[in-house]
């Protein structure tokens, strides 16, 4: 794809960034890219960032002529790859889609519709799970965040939120540059389930810089996120919950426990008690008792991870001050 973007659409220009790191998800990646290129309102630019995988970079460069394929400039991991996407893209708005997700045809339209309001600095959308196998009967919908999807407890209509789910989010490019992008100390690396919350930290820094800023959740801007069989296992559920707790402890150190845990407090006060009550009324139905166990175990594993992360955090080098991620504005040209 040429560095000069199309300007045939009114309103803000849009770059879509997809990050990929492995040949193992080639089929998923092709579906993701195709879903972006065939939008009702095609983006002005599609950037595929390959995270330190030369074979994937070579294959994608040859197979995807309509996409700008670039190697990650940052350290290995999702945050470094996303920062590369921000640095080399040109759109007024930058949307992020996971390499194993597929956007619905009106996705870009739904995201961009809200950027007419100056206070709106970011728009995220619904992430529906697409299970490779049947959904486990015990898996509570309140914990769909474990597999990177929207969970029961999120708004069911357009509403401001604290942060987005990384598989489906967009921001004004100026805001991403102003806060320095994603933190390299957070963010998934390969398949490791014990890192994350970089989206939460980013959103918190954006709203801390601009108290009037609005991050808007638009359920109509939907994507489908593939959930492989490996993520339906109890071992993954447990480790992912524990890892979320570790990551939340880091975010609390960076951003303060007040804003960093506001949504989690509401989740524990309202969403989880409702889920427990609902399943207690359904103990005669298949899976209800196991769902109760998963709810309790998920909360305990996450809480344990948070406690361990909080105790470790003060001793970790560099946590006394917020790190900055350099994201340089790109005026054009290849990386």
Protein backbone atom coordinates (compact mmCIF):
# COMPACT_ATOMS: atom_id res chain seq x y z
CA UNK A 1 0.00 0.00 0.00
CA UNK A 2 1.26 3.46 -0.81
CA UNK A 3 2.03 5.86 2.03
CA UNK A 4 -0.39 8.40 0.55
CA UNK A 5 -3.82 7.71 1.95
CA UNK A 6 -7.15 7.84 0.20
CA UNK A 7 -9.18 10.96 0.96
CA UNK A 8 -12.42 9.99 -0.76
CA UNK A 9 -14.44 9.93 2.46
CA UNK A 10 -15.74 12.84 4.49
CA UNK A 11 -14.91 13.11 8.17
CA UNK A 12 -11.71 11.92 9.85
CA UNK A 13 -9.36 9.61 7.99
CA UNK A 14 -8.95 6.11 9.39
CA UNK A 15 -6.00 3.77 9.71
CA UNK A 16 -6.58 0.21 10.89
CA UNK A 17 -3.66 -1.50 12.62
CA UNK A 18 -3.47 -5.29 12.93
CA UNK A 19 -0.57 -6.88 14.84
CA UNK A 20 0.55 -10.48 14.27
CA UNK A 21 3.42 -12.55 15.62
CA UNK A 22 3.09 -16.14 14.38
CA UNK A 23 2.58 -18.19 11.23
CA UNK A 24 0.28 -20.45 13.24
CA UNK A 25 -2.59 -17.94 12.88
CA UNK A 26 -2.16 -17.29 9.17
CA UNK A 27 -5.72 -18.34 8.32
CA UNK A 28 -7.11 -16.14 11.11
CA UNK A 29 -4.97 -13.24 9.92
CA UNK A 30 -6.26 -13.54 6.37
CA UNK A 31 -9.85 -13.47 7.65
CA UNK A 32 -9.10 -10.42 9.81
CA UNK A 33 -7.50 -8.47 6.97
CA UNK A 34 -10.28 -9.42 4.54
CA UNK A 35 -12.91 -8.22 7.01
CA UNK A 36 -11.20 -4.80 7.12
CA UNK A 37 -10.72 -4.44 3.38
CA UNK A 38 -14.37 -5.27 2.66
CA UNK A 39 -15.91 -2.79 5.09
CA UNK A 40 -18.92 -0.77 3.95
CA UNK A 41 -16.66 2.24 4.57
CA UNK A 42 -13.17 0.93 3.77
CA UNK A 43 -10.39 2.45 5.87
CA UNK A 44 -7.98 4.88 4.26
CA UNK A 45 -5.05 2.71 5.28
CA UNK A 46 -4.46 -0.80 6.63
CA UNK A 47 -1.20 -1.49 8.46
CA UNK A 48 -0.10 -4.99 9.41
CA UNK A 49 2.70 -4.98 11.99
CA UNK A 50 4.65 -8.22 12.19
CA UNK A 51 6.12 -8.76 15.64
CA UNK A 52 9.61 -10.24 15.19
CA UNK A 53 8.64 -13.11 12.87
CA UNK A 54 10.63 -12.86 9.59
CA UNK A 55 8.79 -15.76 7.93
CA UNK A 56 5.42 -14.13 8.56
CA UNK A 57 6.70 -10.76 7.35
CA UNK A 58 7.93 -12.26 4.10
CA UNK A 59 4.75 -14.22 3.46
CA UNK A 60 2.38 -11.36 4.32
CA UNK A 61 4.38 -8.88 2.21
CA UNK A 62 3.90 -11.10 -0.83
CA UNK A 63 0.32 -12.23 -0.17
CA UNK A 64 -1.26 -8.92 0.91
CA UNK A 65 -0.51 -6.22 -1.68
CA UNK A 66 -3.41 -4.03 -0.49
CA UNK A 67 -1.91 -3.80 3.01
CA UNK A 68 1.15 -1.96 4.28
CA UNK A 69 3.21 -4.66 6.01
CA UNK A 70 5.93 -3.46 8.39
CA UNK A 71 8.17 -5.14 10.96
CA UNK A 72 7.81 -4.08 14.56
CA UNK A 73 10.31 -1.41 15.61
CA UNK A 74 9.79 -2.04 19.30
CA UNK A 75 10.67 -4.81 21.72
CA UNK A 76 8.94 -8.14 21.24
CA UNK A 77 5.31 -7.99 22.35
CA UNK A 78 1.95 -6.51 21.52
CA UNK A 79 2.64 -3.06 22.97
CA UNK A 80 5.78 -2.61 20.88
CA UNK A 81 3.95 -3.75 17.75
CA UNK A 82 1.03 -1.40 18.37
CA UNK A 83 3.37 1.51 18.93
CA UNK A 84 4.99 0.74 15.60
CA UNK A 85 1.56 0.81 13.98
CA UNK A 86 0.87 4.21 15.49
CA UNK A 87 4.24 5.57 14.39
CA UNK A 88 3.94 4.53 10.72
CA UNK A 89 0.23 5.21 10.18
CA UNK A 90 -1.30 8.49 9.02
CA UNK A 91 -5.01 8.45 9.86
CA UNK A 92 -6.74 10.96 12.11
CA UNK A 93 -8.21 7.94 13.88
CA UNK A 94 -6.34 4.69 14.46
CA UNK A 95 -8.36 1.51 15.05
CA UNK A 96 -6.88 -1.72 16.37
CA UNK A 97 -8.14 -5.19 15.44
CA UNK A 98 -6.65 -8.44 16.70
CA UNK A 99 -5.19 -10.84 14.16
CA UNK A 100 -7.68 -13.54 15.21
CA UNK A 101 -10.76 -11.30 15.03
CA UNK A 102 -13.06 -10.40 12.15
CA UNK A 103 -14.93 -7.10 11.94
CA UNK A 104 -18.59 -6.87 10.98
CA UNK A 105 -19.16 -4.98 7.68
CA UNK A 106 -20.32 -1.76 9.37
CA UNK A 107 -17.51 -1.72 11.96
CA UNK A 108 -15.63 1.31 10.64
CA UNK A 109 -18.86 3.28 10.09
CA UNK A 110 -19.96 2.66 13.67
CA UNK A 111 -16.60 3.66 15.12
CA UNK A 112 -16.18 6.83 13.08
CA UNK A 113 -19.76 8.05 13.60
CA UNK A 114 -18.90 9.30 17.10
CA UNK A 115 -15.78 11.29 16.26
CA UNK A 116 -17.83 14.31 15.22
CA UNK A 117 -17.99 15.12 18.94
CA UNK A 118 -14.71 16.85 19.93
CA UNK A 119 -14.77 15.38 23.45
CA UNK A 120 -14.77 11.81 22.11
CA UNK A 121 -11.13 10.73 21.98
CA UNK A 122 -11.72 7.01 21.59
CA UNK A 123 -14.40 4.55 20.54
CA UNK A 124 -14.45 0.83 21.27
CA UNK A 125 -16.90 -1.87 20.41
CA UNK A 126 -18.39 -5.26 21.17
CA UNK A 127 -16.17 -8.34 20.97
CA UNK A 128 -18.21 -11.50 20.43
CA UNK A 129 -16.56 -14.87 21.10
CA UNK A 130 -16.37 -17.30 18.18
CA UNK A 131 -15.70 -20.60 19.88
CA UNK A 132 -13.62 -23.10 17.88
CA UNK A 133 -15.29 -25.80 19.93
CA UNK A 134 -18.50 -25.63 21.94
CA UNK A 135 -18.55 -23.06 24.73
CA UNK A 136 -17.69 -24.90 27.98
CA UNK A 137 -20.86 -25.40 29.98
CA UNK A 138 -19.13 -24.09 33.10
CA UNK A 139 -17.66 -20.92 31.56
CA UNK A 140 -19.42 -17.86 33.06
CA UNK A 141 -20.29 -15.04 30.65
CA UNK A 142 -19.07 -12.61 33.31
CA UNK A 143 -15.55 -13.94 32.65
CA UNK A 144 -15.52 -13.70 28.87
CA UNK A 145 -12.74 -11.13 29.34
CA UNK A 146 -10.54 -14.18 30.01
CA UNK A 147 -10.74 -14.99 26.29
CA UNK A 148 -10.46 -11.34 25.20
CA UNK A 149 -14.17 -10.77 24.64
CA UNK A 150 -16.93 -8.53 25.97
CA UNK A 151 -18.41 -9.88 29.17
CA UNK A 152 -21.74 -9.73 30.92
CA UNK A 153 -21.75 -6.52 32.95
CA UNK A 154 -20.63 -4.17 30.19
CA UNK A 155 -23.19 -1.64 28.90
CA UNK A 156 -25.65 -3.01 26.34
CA UNK A 157 -25.96 0.38 24.64
CA UNK A 158 -23.71 3.29 23.71
CA UNK A 159 -22.09 4.62 26.90
CA UNK A 160 -18.85 6.11 28.27
CA UNK A 161 -16.45 3.53 29.76
CA UNK A 162 -13.11 3.57 31.54
CA UNK A 163 -11.28 1.41 29.00
CA UNK A 164 -11.74 -0.76 25.93
CA UNK A 165 -11.04 -4.38 25.04
CA UNK A 166 -7.91 -4.50 22.90
CA UNK A 167 -9.40 -6.59 20.10
CA UNK A 168 -11.72 -3.74 19.11
CA UNK A 169 -10.76 -0.16 19.92
CA UNK A 170 -9.90 3.13 18.24
CA UNK A 171 -8.39 6.47 19.26
CA UNK A 172 -7.59 9.85 17.84
CA UNK A 173 -4.00 9.64 16.70
CA UNK A 174 -3.11 12.92 18.42
CA UNK A 175 -4.14 11.46 21.77
CA UNK A 176 -2.00 8.35 21.29
CA UNK A 177 1.01 10.48 20.46
CA UNK A 178 0.37 12.89 23.32
CA UNK A 179 0.54 10.17 25.99
CA UNK A 180 3.45 8.27 24.43
CA UNK A 181 1.58 5.19 23.23
CA UNK A 182 1.38 1.80 24.95
CA UNK A 183 3.73 0.82 27.76
CA UNK A 184 6.24 -1.87 26.81
CA UNK A 185 6.21 -3.12 30.40
CA UNK A 186 2.60 -4.19 29.85
CA UNK A 187 1.13 -6.14 26.99
CA UNK A 188 1.01 -9.72 25.82
CA UNK A 189 4.19 -11.35 24.51
CA UNK A 190 3.51 -14.35 22.25
CA UNK A 191 1.00 -16.67 23.95
CA UNK A 192 1.99 -15.76 27.52
CA UNK A 193 -1.28 -15.31 29.48
CA UNK A 194 0.29 -13.43 32.40
CA UNK A 195 0.65 -10.03 30.77
CA UNK A 196 -1.94 -7.50 29.80
CA UNK A 197 -3.92 -4.43 30.83
CA UNK A 198 -1.94 -2.19 28.49
CA UNK A 199 -5.25 -0.94 27.07
CA UNK A 200 -6.48 -0.05 30.55
CA UNK A 201 -3.29 1.87 31.32
CA UNK A 202 -3.44 3.71 28.00
CA UNK A 203 -7.05 4.75 28.50
CA UNK A 204 -6.33 5.93 32.04
CA UNK A 205 -3.42 8.07 30.85
CA UNK A 206 -5.51 9.60 28.09
CA UNK A 207 -8.31 10.62 30.45
CA UNK A 208 -5.85 11.79 33.11
CA UNK A 209 -4.30 14.15 30.58
CA UNK A 210 -7.71 15.39 29.41
CA UNK A 211 -10.35 15.22 32.17
CA UNK A 212 -13.05 16.19 29.64
CA UNK A 213 -12.15 13.29 27.35
CA UNK A 214 -14.80 10.68 26.59
CA UNK A 215 -14.04 7.05 25.79
CA UNK A 216 -17.21 5.71 24.20
CA UNK A 217 -18.33 2.09 24.05
CA UNK A 218 -20.43 1.37 20.95
CA UNK A 219 -21.81 -2.20 20.95
CA UNK A 220 -22.96 -1.82 17.34
CA UNK A 221 -19.28 -1.68 16.28
CA UNK A 222 -18.84 -5.41 16.62
CA UNK A 223 -16.12 -7.93 15.87
CA UNK A 224 -15.97 -11.71 16.24
CA UNK A 225 -12.96 -13.02 18.16
CA UNK A 226 -11.92 -16.63 17.65
CA UNK A 227 -11.47 -18.62 20.86
CA UNK A 228 -9.24 -21.68 20.29
CA UNK A 229 -9.77 -24.89 22.18
CA UNK A 230 -6.71 -24.26 24.35
CA UNK A 231 -8.46 -21.24 25.90
CA UNK A 232 -11.47 -23.29 26.96
CA UNK A 233 -9.47 -25.32 29.46
CA UNK A 234 -9.60 -24.81 33.17
CA UNK A 235 -5.81 -24.37 33.35
CA UNK A 236 -5.95 -21.41 30.97
CA UNK A 237 -8.90 -19.87 32.82
CA UNK A 238 -7.03 -20.04 36.12
CA UNK A 239 -3.71 -18.73 34.79
CA UNK A 240 -5.36 -15.94 32.83
CA UNK A 241 -7.26 -14.75 35.91
CA UNK A 242 -4.07 -14.83 37.96
CA UNK A 243 -2.22 -12.93 35.25
CA UNK A 244 -4.96 -10.31 35.12
CA UNK A 245 -4.45 -9.71 38.82
CA UNK A 246 -0.70 -9.31 38.36
CA UNK A 247 -1.25 -6.84 35.54
CA UNK A 248 -3.84 -4.85 37.46
CA UNK A 249 -1.35 -4.44 40.29
CA UNK A 250 1.14 -2.87 37.87
CA UNK A 251 -1.52 -0.56 36.45
CA UNK A 252 -2.49 0.47 39.97
CA UNK A 253 1.16 1.37 40.65
CA UNK A 254 1.40 3.38 37.45
CA UNK A 255 -1.98 5.11 37.54
CA UNK A 256 -3.16 4.97 41.16
CA UNK A 257 -5.48 2.36 42.65
CA UNK A 258 -8.47 4.72 42.56
CA UNK A 259 -8.88 5.04 38.79
CA UNK A 260 -7.16 1.74 38.03
CA UNK A 261 -9.63 -0.32 40.06
CA UNK A 262 -12.86 1.69 39.71
CA UNK A 263 -14.45 -0.70 37.21
CA UNK A 264 -13.25 -3.72 39.16
CA UNK A 265 -14.95 -2.49 42.32
CA UNK A 266 -18.25 -2.12 40.46
CA UNK A 267 -17.72 -5.57 38.91
CA UNK A 268 -17.24 -7.17 42.34
CA UNK A 269 -20.12 -5.23 43.93
CA UNK A 270 -22.68 -5.84 41.22
CA UNK A 271 -21.78 -8.16 38.35
CA UNK A 272 -20.37 -11.06 40.36
CA UNK A 273 -23.11 -11.11 43.06
CA UNK A 274 -25.78 -11.14 40.34
CA UNK A 275 -24.02 -14.00 38.60
CA UNK A 276 -23.80 -15.98 41.83
CA UNK A 277 -27.47 -15.40 42.61
CA UNK A 278 -28.54 -16.34 39.11
CA UNK A 279 -26.63 -19.62 39.16
CA UNK A 280 -27.79 -20.46 42.68
CA UNK A 281 -31.35 -20.34 41.35
CA UNK A 282 -30.35 -22.70 38.54
CA UNK A 283 -28.45 -25.37 40.43
CA UNK A 284 -30.62 -28.04 38.85
CA UNK A 285 -29.50 -27.08 35.34
CA UNK A 286 -26.43 -28.60 33.64
CA UNK A 287 -23.22 -26.79 34.52
CA UNK A 288 -24.70 -24.41 37.08
CA UNK A 289 -22.73 -25.81 40.02
CA UNK A 290 -19.50 -25.81 38.02
CA UNK A 291 -20.22 -22.23 36.92
CA UNK A 292 -20.55 -21.24 40.56
CA UNK A 293 -17.16 -22.83 41.19
CA UNK A 294 -15.63 -21.00 38.23
CA UNK A 295 -17.02 -17.67 39.44
CA UNK A 296 -15.54 -18.16 42.89
CA UNK A 297 -12.24 -19.53 41.59
CA UNK A 298 -11.90 -16.75 39.03
CA UNK A 299 -12.33 -14.05 41.65
CA UNK A 300 -9.90 -15.78 44.01
CA UNK A 301 -7.24 -16.32 41.33
CA UNK A 302 -7.48 -12.72 40.17
CA UNK A 303 -7.34 -11.41 43.73
CA UNK A 304 -4.33 -13.59 44.51
CA UNK A 305 -2.55 -12.36 41.40
CA UNK A 306 -3.25 -8.77 42.38
CA UNK A 307 -1.92 -9.28 45.90
CA UNK A 308 1.25 -10.98 44.65
CA UNK A 309 1.74 -8.29 42.00
CA UNK A 310 1.22 -5.50 44.51
CA UNK A 311 3.75 -6.97 46.92
CA UNK A 312 6.30 -7.44 44.15
CA UNK A 313 5.73 -4.10 42.44
CA UNK A 314 7.58 -1.81 44.91
CA UNK A 315 10.71 -3.94 44.55
CA UNK A 316 10.58 -3.99 40.76
CA UNK A 317 13.06 -1.64 39.12
CA UNK A 318 11.50 1.37 37.50
CA UNK A 319 8.06 1.25 39.09
CA UNK A 320 8.66 4.33 41.20
CA UNK A 321 8.08 6.51 38.15
CA UNK A 322 5.96 6.08 35.07
CA UNK A 323 7.89 4.86 32.03
CA UNK A 324 7.36 6.63 28.75
CA UNK A 325 7.04 4.89 25.42
CA UNK A 326 8.51 6.92 22.55
CA UNK A 327 6.12 7.01 19.61
CA UNK A 328 7.50 9.18 16.85
CA UNK A 329 5.17 10.75 14.35
CA UNK A 330 5.77 9.46 10.84
CA UNK A 331 5.50 11.94 7.99
CA UNK A 332 5.75 9.16 5.43
CA UNK A 333 8.18 6.71 3.93
CA UNK A 334 8.97 3.13 4.82
CA UNK A 335 10.19 2.19 8.30
